[in-house]
Protein backbone atom coordinates (compact mmCIF):
# COMPACT_ATOMS: atom_id res chain seq x y z
CA UNK A 1 -24.84 74.37 94.97
CA UNK A 2 -27.80 75.43 92.73
CA UNK A 3 -28.80 72.57 90.50
CA UNK A 4 -29.82 72.80 86.86
CA UNK A 5 -32.79 70.98 85.42
CA UNK A 6 -33.59 70.31 81.84
CA UNK A 7 -36.58 68.56 80.13
CA UNK A 8 -36.91 66.62 76.91
CA UNK A 9 -38.58 67.07 73.63
CA UNK A 10 -40.02 63.81 72.17
CA UNK A 11 -39.47 64.65 68.49
CA UNK A 12 -40.57 61.04 67.62
CA UNK A 13 -43.99 61.41 69.33
CA UNK A 14 -45.41 61.15 72.68
CA UNK A 15 -47.85 58.93 74.58
CA UNK A 16 -49.46 57.96 77.90
CA UNK A 17 -47.30 54.81 77.51
CA UNK A 18 -43.59 54.32 77.10
CA UNK A 19 -42.48 55.08 73.44
CA UNK A 20 -39.67 52.74 72.42
CA UNK A 21 -36.90 53.40 70.00
CA UNK A 22 -33.56 54.89 69.77
CA UNK A 23 -29.97 53.66 69.85
CA UNK A 24 -29.90 51.74 66.63
CA UNK A 25 -33.36 50.44 66.67
CA UNK A 26 -35.29 50.47 63.43
CA UNK A 27 -36.30 53.97 62.05
CA UNK A 28 -39.75 54.15 62.83
CA UNK A 29 -39.84 51.97 65.91
CA UNK A 30 -40.51 55.11 67.92
CA UNK A 31 -44.09 56.23 67.34
CA UNK A 32 -46.17 57.80 69.94
CA UNK A 33 -49.92 58.30 69.57
CA UNK A 34 -49.33 62.03 70.11
CA UNK A 35 -47.60 63.10 66.96
CA UNK A 36 -44.57 65.49 67.47
CA UNK A 37 -46.17 68.43 65.69
CA UNK A 38 -44.63 71.84 66.41
CA UNK A 39 -47.81 72.81 68.09
CA UNK A 40 -47.47 70.07 70.59
CA UNK A 41 -43.70 70.37 71.00
CA UNK A 42 -44.40 74.10 71.68
CA UNK A 43 -46.71 73.18 74.46
CA UNK A 44 -43.96 71.21 76.12
CA UNK A 45 -41.56 74.00 75.51
CA UNK A 46 -43.94 76.64 77.25
CA UNK A 47 -44.57 74.33 80.11
CA UNK A 48 -40.77 73.61 80.66
CA UNK A 49 -39.98 77.40 80.47
CA UNK A 50 -42.73 78.51 82.91
CA UNK A 51 -41.91 75.68 85.44
CA UNK A 52 -38.28 76.74 85.61
CA UNK A 53 -36.21 74.21 83.50
CA UNK A 54 -33.12 75.71 81.95
CA UNK A 55 -33.29 73.76 78.69
CA UNK A 56 -34.69 70.95 76.75
CA UNK A 57 -32.71 67.91 75.16
CA UNK A 58 -33.66 67.01 71.59
CA UNK A 59 -32.40 63.68 70.41
CA UNK A 60 -30.65 62.59 67.11
CA UNK A 61 -30.92 59.50 65.10
CA UNK A 62 -32.97 58.04 62.24
CA UNK A 63 -35.91 57.43 64.62
CA UNK A 64 -36.58 61.03 65.36
CA UNK A 65 -36.87 64.35 63.63
CA UNK A 66 -33.80 66.48 63.06
CA UNK A 67 -32.77 68.33 66.11
CA UNK A 68 -31.35 71.40 64.55
CA UNK A 69 -34.31 72.23 62.40
CA UNK A 70 -36.91 71.32 64.85
CA UNK A 71 -35.44 73.54 67.78
CA UNK A 72 -34.66 76.39 65.27
CA UNK A 73 -38.47 76.45 64.43
CA UNK A 74 -39.30 76.38 68.27
CA UNK A 75 -36.99 79.23 69.30
CA UNK A 76 -39.47 81.93 68.36
CA UNK A 77 -42.27 80.11 70.29
CA UNK A 78 -40.35 80.77 73.69
CA UNK A 79 -38.38 83.42 75.44
CA UNK A 80 -35.88 81.98 77.71
CA UNK A 81 -35.73 78.21 77.46
CA UNK A 82 -32.37 76.85 76.02
CA UNK A 83 -32.29 74.08 73.43
CA UNK A 84 -29.86 71.12 74.00
CA UNK A 85 -29.43 69.98 70.40
CA UNK A 86 -27.93 66.50 69.98
CA UNK A 87 -25.96 65.86 66.80
CA UNK A 88 -23.38 63.47 65.41
CA UNK A 89 -20.04 65.04 64.34
CA UNK A 90 -19.37 62.33 61.71
CA UNK A 91 -22.25 63.61 59.44
CA UNK A 92 -21.29 67.19 58.76
CA UNK A 93 -18.14 69.23 58.42
CA UNK A 94 -16.85 70.74 61.60
CA UNK A 95 -16.49 74.26 59.98
CA UNK A 96 -20.09 73.96 59.06
CA UNK A 97 -21.16 72.78 62.57
CA UNK A 98 -19.20 75.75 64.04
CA UNK A 99 -20.86 78.16 61.67
CA UNK A 100 -24.39 76.73 62.37
CA UNK A 101 -23.86 76.92 66.13
CA UNK A 102 -22.78 80.57 65.75
CA UNK A 103 -25.74 81.40 63.63
CA UNK A 104 -27.98 79.69 66.05
CA UNK A 105 -26.51 81.65 69.06
CA UNK A 106 -27.11 85.00 67.38
CA UNK A 107 -30.73 84.21 66.26
CA UNK A 108 -31.72 82.63 69.51
CA UNK A 109 -29.94 85.13 71.77
CA UNK A 110 -27.58 82.63 73.12
CA UNK A 111 -29.93 79.70 73.87
CA UNK A 112 -27.97 76.85 72.14
CA UNK A 113 -26.47 73.95 74.06
CA UNK A 114 -24.76 71.15 72.02
CA UNK A 115 -24.97 67.41 72.89
CA UNK A 116 -22.25 65.71 70.81
CA UNK A 117 -23.05 62.01 70.15
CA UNK A 118 -20.33 60.05 68.67
CA UNK A 119 -22.74 57.13 67.90
CA UNK A 120 -22.52 53.70 69.23
CA UNK A 121 -24.53 51.85 66.60
CA UNK A 122 -22.40 50.89 63.46
CA UNK A 123 -25.33 49.62 61.39
CA UNK A 124 -27.17 53.06 61.99
CA UNK A 125 -23.93 54.97 61.14
CA UNK A 126 -23.51 52.97 58.05
CA UNK A 127 -27.12 53.85 56.92
CA UNK A 128 -25.90 57.58 57.12
CA UNK A 129 -22.90 56.72 55.01
CA UNK A 130 -20.43 56.51 57.87
CA UNK A 131 -18.31 53.32 57.96
CA UNK A 132 -15.76 54.00 60.64
CA UNK A 133 -15.47 51.58 63.42
CA UNK A 134 -16.15 52.59 67.03
CA UNK A 135 -12.51 53.55 67.80
CA UNK A 136 -12.40 55.54 64.67
CA UNK A 137 -15.56 57.43 65.30
CA UNK A 138 -14.20 58.57 68.73
CA UNK A 139 -10.93 59.57 67.12
CA UNK A 140 -12.80 61.61 64.61
CA UNK A 141 -14.96 63.36 67.13
CA UNK A 142 -11.68 64.34 68.92
CA UNK A 143 -10.45 65.88 65.85
CA UNK A 144 -13.89 67.40 65.11
CA UNK A 145 -14.20 69.14 68.34
CA UNK A 146 -10.55 70.45 68.23
CA UNK A 147 -11.46 72.30 64.89
CA UNK A 148 -14.68 73.52 66.27
CA UNK A 149 -13.32 74.84 69.52
CA UNK A 150 -10.48 76.62 67.53
CA UNK A 151 -12.95 78.29 65.26
CA UNK A 152 -15.17 79.38 68.15
CA UNK A 153 -11.89 81.04 69.55
CA UNK A 154 -11.74 83.16 66.58
CA UNK A 155 -8.68 81.27 65.10
CA UNK A 156 -7.76 80.76 61.50
CA UNK A 157 -6.99 77.25 61.22
CA UNK A 158 -5.10 74.76 59.13
CA UNK A 159 -5.59 71.05 60.42
CA UNK A 160 -4.44 67.86 58.83
CA UNK A 161 -5.78 65.00 60.91
CA UNK A 162 -6.21 61.32 60.45
CA UNK A 163 -10.08 61.77 59.79
CA UNK A 164 -10.57 65.63 59.35
CA UNK A 165 -8.60 68.08 57.02
CA UNK A 166 -9.32 71.79 56.73
CA UNK A 167 -7.34 74.53 55.19
CA UNK A 168 -7.81 78.35 55.89
CA UNK A 169 -10.85 77.62 58.06
CA UNK A 170 -12.27 80.68 59.98
CA UNK A 171 -15.66 82.09 61.06
CA UNK A 172 -16.66 85.55 60.05
CA UNK A 173 -18.48 85.86 63.44
CA UNK A 174 -17.58 83.41 66.38
CA UNK A 175 -20.43 82.60 68.61
CA UNK A 176 -21.04 84.80 71.81
CA UNK A 177 -21.63 83.26 74.13
CA UNK A 178 -19.85 79.96 73.22
CA UNK A 179 -22.30 77.11 73.46
CA UNK A 180 -21.40 74.62 76.15
CA UNK A 181 -20.57 71.03 74.92
CA UNK A 182 -22.37 68.13 76.65
CA UNK A 183 -20.86 64.79 76.12
CA UNK A 184 -21.53 61.35 77.30
CA UNK A 185 -19.77 57.93 76.92
CA UNK A 186 -18.82 55.01 79.16
CA UNK A 187 -16.18 53.32 77.06
CA UNK A 188 -12.31 53.58 77.35
CA UNK A 189 -12.45 55.48 74.13
CA UNK A 190 -14.91 57.95 75.34
CA UNK A 191 -13.10 59.14 78.49
CA UNK A 192 -10.21 61.09 77.07
CA UNK A 193 -12.39 62.95 74.45
CA UNK A 194 -14.84 63.95 77.14
CA UNK A 195 -11.98 65.20 79.31
CA UNK A 196 -10.40 67.21 76.61
CA UNK A 197 -13.54 68.83 75.21
CA UNK A 198 -16.66 68.57 77.17
CA UNK A 199 -18.03 71.28 79.41
CA UNK A 200 -20.69 68.80 80.86
CA UNK A 201 -20.07 65.03 81.03
CA UNK A 202 -23.38 63.09 81.10
CA UNK A 203 -24.14 59.76 82.43
CA UNK A 204 -27.41 57.71 82.11
CA UNK A 205 -29.16 56.98 85.42
CA UNK A 206 -27.26 54.25 87.26
CA UNK A 207 -26.95 53.49 91.03
CA UNK A 208 -25.06 55.87 93.22
CA UNK A 209 -21.77 53.89 93.44
CA UNK A 210 -21.62 53.37 89.57
CA UNK A 211 -22.15 57.10 88.92
CA UNK A 212 -19.58 57.98 91.65
CA UNK A 213 -17.08 55.76 89.82
CA UNK A 214 -17.76 57.52 86.45
CA UNK A 215 -17.38 60.98 88.10
CA UNK A 216 -14.00 60.08 89.54
CA UNK A 217 -12.86 58.51 86.15
CA UNK A 218 -13.58 61.74 84.07
CA UNK A 219 -12.40 64.05 86.82
CA UNK A 220 -9.13 62.32 86.96
CA UNK A 221 -8.81 62.52 83.20
CA UNK A 222 -9.77 66.06 83.17
CA UNK A 223 -7.31 67.04 85.95
CA UNK A 224 -4.48 65.55 83.96
CA UNK A 225 -5.46 67.95 81.15
CA UNK A 226 -5.91 70.94 83.70
CA UNK A 227 -9.57 71.13 82.80
CA UNK A 228 -12.69 71.39 85.10
CA UNK A 229 -15.72 69.43 83.77
CA UNK A 230 -19.30 69.65 85.17
CA UNK A 231 -21.42 66.50 85.63
CA UNK A 232 -24.87 65.73 84.70
CA UNK A 233 -27.28 62.79 84.57
CA UNK A 234 -29.97 61.64 82.15
CA UNK A 235 -33.19 60.20 83.81
CA UNK A 236 -36.86 59.54 83.40
CA UNK A 237 -39.18 60.53 86.41
CA UNK A 238 -42.40 59.46 87.77
CA UNK A 239 -43.15 61.63 90.73
CA UNK A 240 -46.60 61.80 92.49
CA UNK A 241 -48.16 63.12 95.79
CA UNK A 242 -47.62 59.68 97.33
CA UNK A 243 -45.27 56.86 96.67
CA UNK A 244 -48.31 54.43 96.10
CA UNK A 245 -49.56 56.67 93.17
CA UNK A 246 -46.15 56.80 91.58
CA UNK A 247 -45.57 53.09 91.61
CA UNK A 248 -49.09 52.60 90.27
CA UNK A 249 -48.28 54.72 87.37
CA UNK A 250 -45.08 52.78 86.87
CA UNK A 251 -47.22 49.54 86.92
CA UNK A 252 -49.65 50.97 84.41
CA UNK A 253 -46.58 51.77 81.95
CA UNK A 254 -45.21 48.21 82.49
CA UNK A 255 -48.61 46.53 81.88
CA UNK A 256 -48.84 48.30 78.52
CA UNK A 257 -45.75 46.55 77.21
CA UNK A 258 -46.17 42.96 75.75
CA UNK A 259 -43.48 40.25 76.32
CA UNK A 260 -43.07 40.12 72.45
CA UNK A 261 -42.20 43.80 72.31
CA UNK A 262 -39.73 43.42 75.03
CA UNK A 263 -38.02 40.36 73.29
CA UNK A 264 -37.86 42.28 69.96
CA UNK A 265 -36.49 45.46 71.40
CA UNK A 266 -33.97 43.70 73.47
CA UNK A 267 -32.75 41.78 70.64
CA UNK A 268 -32.19 44.83 68.75
CA UNK A 269 -30.41 46.62 71.65
CA UNK A 270 -28.06 43.68 72.36
CA UNK A 271 -26.15 44.38 68.97
CA UNK A 272 -25.20 47.89 70.26
CA UNK A 273 -21.60 48.77 70.40
CA UNK A 274 -22.40 51.32 73.14
CA UNK A 275 -20.80 50.57 76.50
CA UNK A 276 -23.45 52.70 78.11
CA UNK A 277 -26.29 50.66 76.43
CA UNK A 278 -24.62 47.42 77.71
CA UNK A 279 -24.71 49.00 81.20
CA UNK A 280 -28.39 49.67 80.79
CA UNK A 281 -29.27 46.17 79.78
CA UNK A 282 -27.42 44.70 82.61
CA UNK A 283 -29.43 46.84 84.96
CA UNK A 284 -32.87 45.21 84.01
CA UNK A 285 -31.76 41.78 82.66
CA UNK A 286 -34.06 41.91 79.63
CA UNK A 287 -37.32 40.08 79.20
CA UNK A 288 -36.73 37.66 82.01
CA UNK A 289 -37.42 40.49 84.56
CA UNK A 290 -40.98 42.02 84.35
CA UNK A 291 -42.06 42.22 87.98
CA UNK A 292 -42.63 45.89 88.90
CA UNK A 293 -40.63 46.21 92.05
CA UNK A 294 -37.96 43.56 91.00
CA UNK A 295 -36.91 46.42 88.33
CA UNK A 296 -36.33 48.63 91.24
CA UNK A 297 -32.45 48.44 91.08
CA UNK A 298 -31.72 51.02 93.81
CA UNK A 299 -33.95 53.02 96.13
CA UNK A 300 -36.52 54.61 93.79
CA UNK A 301 -34.56 53.82 90.66
CA UNK A 302 -36.69 51.79 88.29
CA UNK A 303 -35.11 50.23 85.20
CA UNK A 304 -38.52 49.31 83.44
CA UNK A 305 -38.15 52.05 80.85
CA UNK A 306 -35.04 50.35 79.34
CA UNK A 307 -37.16 47.22 78.49
CA UNK A 308 -38.34 48.93 75.32
CA UNK A 309 -36.41 52.00 74.97
CA UNK A 310 -32.72 52.53 74.00
CA UNK A 311 -30.47 54.95 75.57
CA UNK A 312 -31.53 56.31 78.89
CA UNK A 313 -33.59 53.55 80.47
CA UNK A 314 -34.09 54.17 84.21
CA UNK A 315 -36.66 56.41 86.06
CA UNK A 316 -36.90 57.83 89.59
CA UNK A 317 -40.13 56.75 90.93
CA UNK A 318 -41.76 57.75 94.13
CA UNK A 319 -43.33 60.52 96.12
CA UNK A 320 -42.21 64.15 95.42
CA UNK A 321 -40.18 63.91 98.60
CA UNK A 322 -38.63 60.62 97.76
CA UNK A 323 -37.58 61.87 94.28
CA UNK A 324 -36.18 65.05 95.70
CA UNK A 325 -34.12 62.92 98.19
CA UNK A 326 -32.69 60.87 95.40
CA UNK A 327 -31.72 64.01 93.46
CA UNK A 328 -30.01 65.41 96.58
CA UNK A 329 -27.93 62.27 96.86
CA UNK A 330 -26.88 62.43 93.25
CA UNK A 331 -26.11 66.09 93.81
CA UNK A 332 -23.78 65.15 96.85
CA UNK A 333 -21.72 62.92 94.40
CA UNK A 334 -21.09 66.07 92.23
CA UNK A 335 -23.79 66.13 89.67
CA UNK A 336 -24.89 69.65 88.94
CA UNK A 337 -27.38 69.12 85.89
CA UNK A 338 -30.36 66.80 85.46
CA UNK A 339 -31.93 66.04 82.15
CA UNK A 340 -35.29 64.65 82.93
CA UNK A 341 -38.40 63.22 80.87
CA UNK A 342 -41.55 61.30 81.56
CA UNK A 343 -44.66 59.92 79.79
CA UNK A 344 -46.43 61.88 78.57
CA UNK A 345 -43.92 64.76 78.53
CA UNK A 346 -46.35 67.51 78.96
CA UNK A 347 -48.18 66.19 82.04
CA UNK A 348 -45.00 64.94 83.63
CA UNK A 349 -43.21 68.17 83.42
CA UNK A 350 -46.00 69.59 85.57
CA UNK A 351 -45.92 66.77 88.08
CA UNK A 352 -42.14 67.23 88.51
CA UNK A 353 -42.12 71.04 88.24
CA UNK A 354 -44.96 71.57 90.67
CA UNK A 355 -44.17 68.73 93.07
CA UNK A 356 -40.31 68.36 93.35
CA UNK A 357 -38.79 71.78 92.36
CA UNK A 358 -40.53 73.50 95.26
CA UNK A 359 -39.03 70.93 97.63
CA UNK A 360 -35.51 71.38 96.12
CA UNK A 361 -35.95 75.29 96.30
CA UNK A 362 -36.81 74.81 100.11
CA UNK A 363 -33.43 73.07 100.60
CA UNK A 364 -31.53 75.78 98.70
CA UNK A 365 -30.71 73.32 95.73
CA UNK A 366 -32.76 75.15 93.05
CA UNK A 367 -34.17 78.48 91.93
CA UNK A 368 -36.01 79.51 88.84
CA UNK A 369 -33.52 80.39 86.20
CA UNK A 370 -35.63 83.21 84.62
CA UNK A 371 -36.48 84.72 87.87
CA UNK A 372 -39.94 83.28 87.49
CA UNK A 373 -42.51 82.70 90.40
CA UNK A 374 -41.22 81.22 93.51
CA UNK A 375 -42.82 77.88 93.54
CA UNK A 376 -41.75 77.23 97.06
CA UNK A 377 -43.80 80.20 98.38
CA UNK A 378 -47.39 79.51 99.68
CA UNK A 379 -50.29 80.60 97.67
CA UNK A 380 -51.92 83.81 98.95
CA UNK A 381 -55.69 83.07 99.20
CA UNK A 382 -58.35 85.28 97.83
CA UNK A 383 -60.18 87.28 100.57
C-alpha cells in the first residue's frame, strides 16, 4: 500500500503556538501572529508541494477565510499540489456547487478535492441563515450530494426532495476528472450519508481501537450499498530527531496556554452538536488535565491541541521513527490518506517531510506523488 499525505493551510493565521478556534467558537477566536496572507500561504503551498504532499486541506467556517476563493487564488502559485476545499452544502445551491467544482477542475488542471462539512454547530449555522436541526442538515447533505453526483455524470436532472428541489438542472461541461468527495462524521446520521456518497471517509485522530471501529462501521454500511470507500485520518504532528525534542516542543505549546483560555474554549466546545467533537473532548478531559504526558492518550498520541482548538485535537508526538511507526499502525487498520498539520505550519511541514517521509519511503509505504526527489536516497557529497 502506498499512503497519501496532505498538509493544511491555516487560513485564520499561523503561530509558533497553538492557534485556537473552529467548530462553533466565536468568529475571530482564531488569530495567529502570522497573518494568513497569500504570500505566507503560498510559502506553505510551495513547501508542501516540494516535500511530496499530495494536497492541502483548507478549512471552512466563520473563523477563517473562504476556502474556495483562497485556494483559487493559490492555484497559480503552484504546479501540482491539490487543494482539499472544505465547504458546507447548506449554504449554496447544489447546482452552483457542481458548476463551481467543474470550473475549478478545468482551470486548476484537475487539482480540486472536496471536503463536505455538514456542520455540527447549530448556532454557527443560524448565523449563516441555516435553521435546520442536525438530522435535517444530514438529510439535506444526502440530497445535495445526490444532485451534485448526477450532474457530474452529465445527467439532466429534475429532483423534488424534502430540502432541495431543482428542475431541468444540467452542466454544460461536467468536471474531468470528477473531484473526489471527502466526508467525516461520527454520528448515526452521518454514517449512511458517508457510505452513499464519500470517496474518502475521514476520522479525527483517536486511538487505534476507536479508529478500527469507525472503519468497520463505514465499511459495513458501504458494503450494503455495493460501494468501496477509502479511509483517511486528520492529525496534527510534532516530529523531531529525538523523542525528547518532540515532547519538549509539545510542552512549550502547552505552556503557552493559560488555564483561563482552556476554560473559555472548552465551555464553547461543550455546546457543540458534533459527535466527533464530543469524542475529542472525552479524550483530554478539559481543563482538569494539563500535565504534558497525562495528555498522551495512546502511544505518541497527544490530546493537548484539543484543549484550545475545535475539531481535530490530537497530535502524533515523537521521534521521526516513532511517528512513522504510529502511521504504519494506522495504515494496517486500512487508513490510506493522512491529513496533517503542525505549529507553525511552514516549519512543521519540513520537520515531517524531511524526517518521516523518507522513513516511510524506505518501508515502501510512500513515494513522491509528482516524481520529485527521492528523499530516502542518501545525499551525494561534493568532491
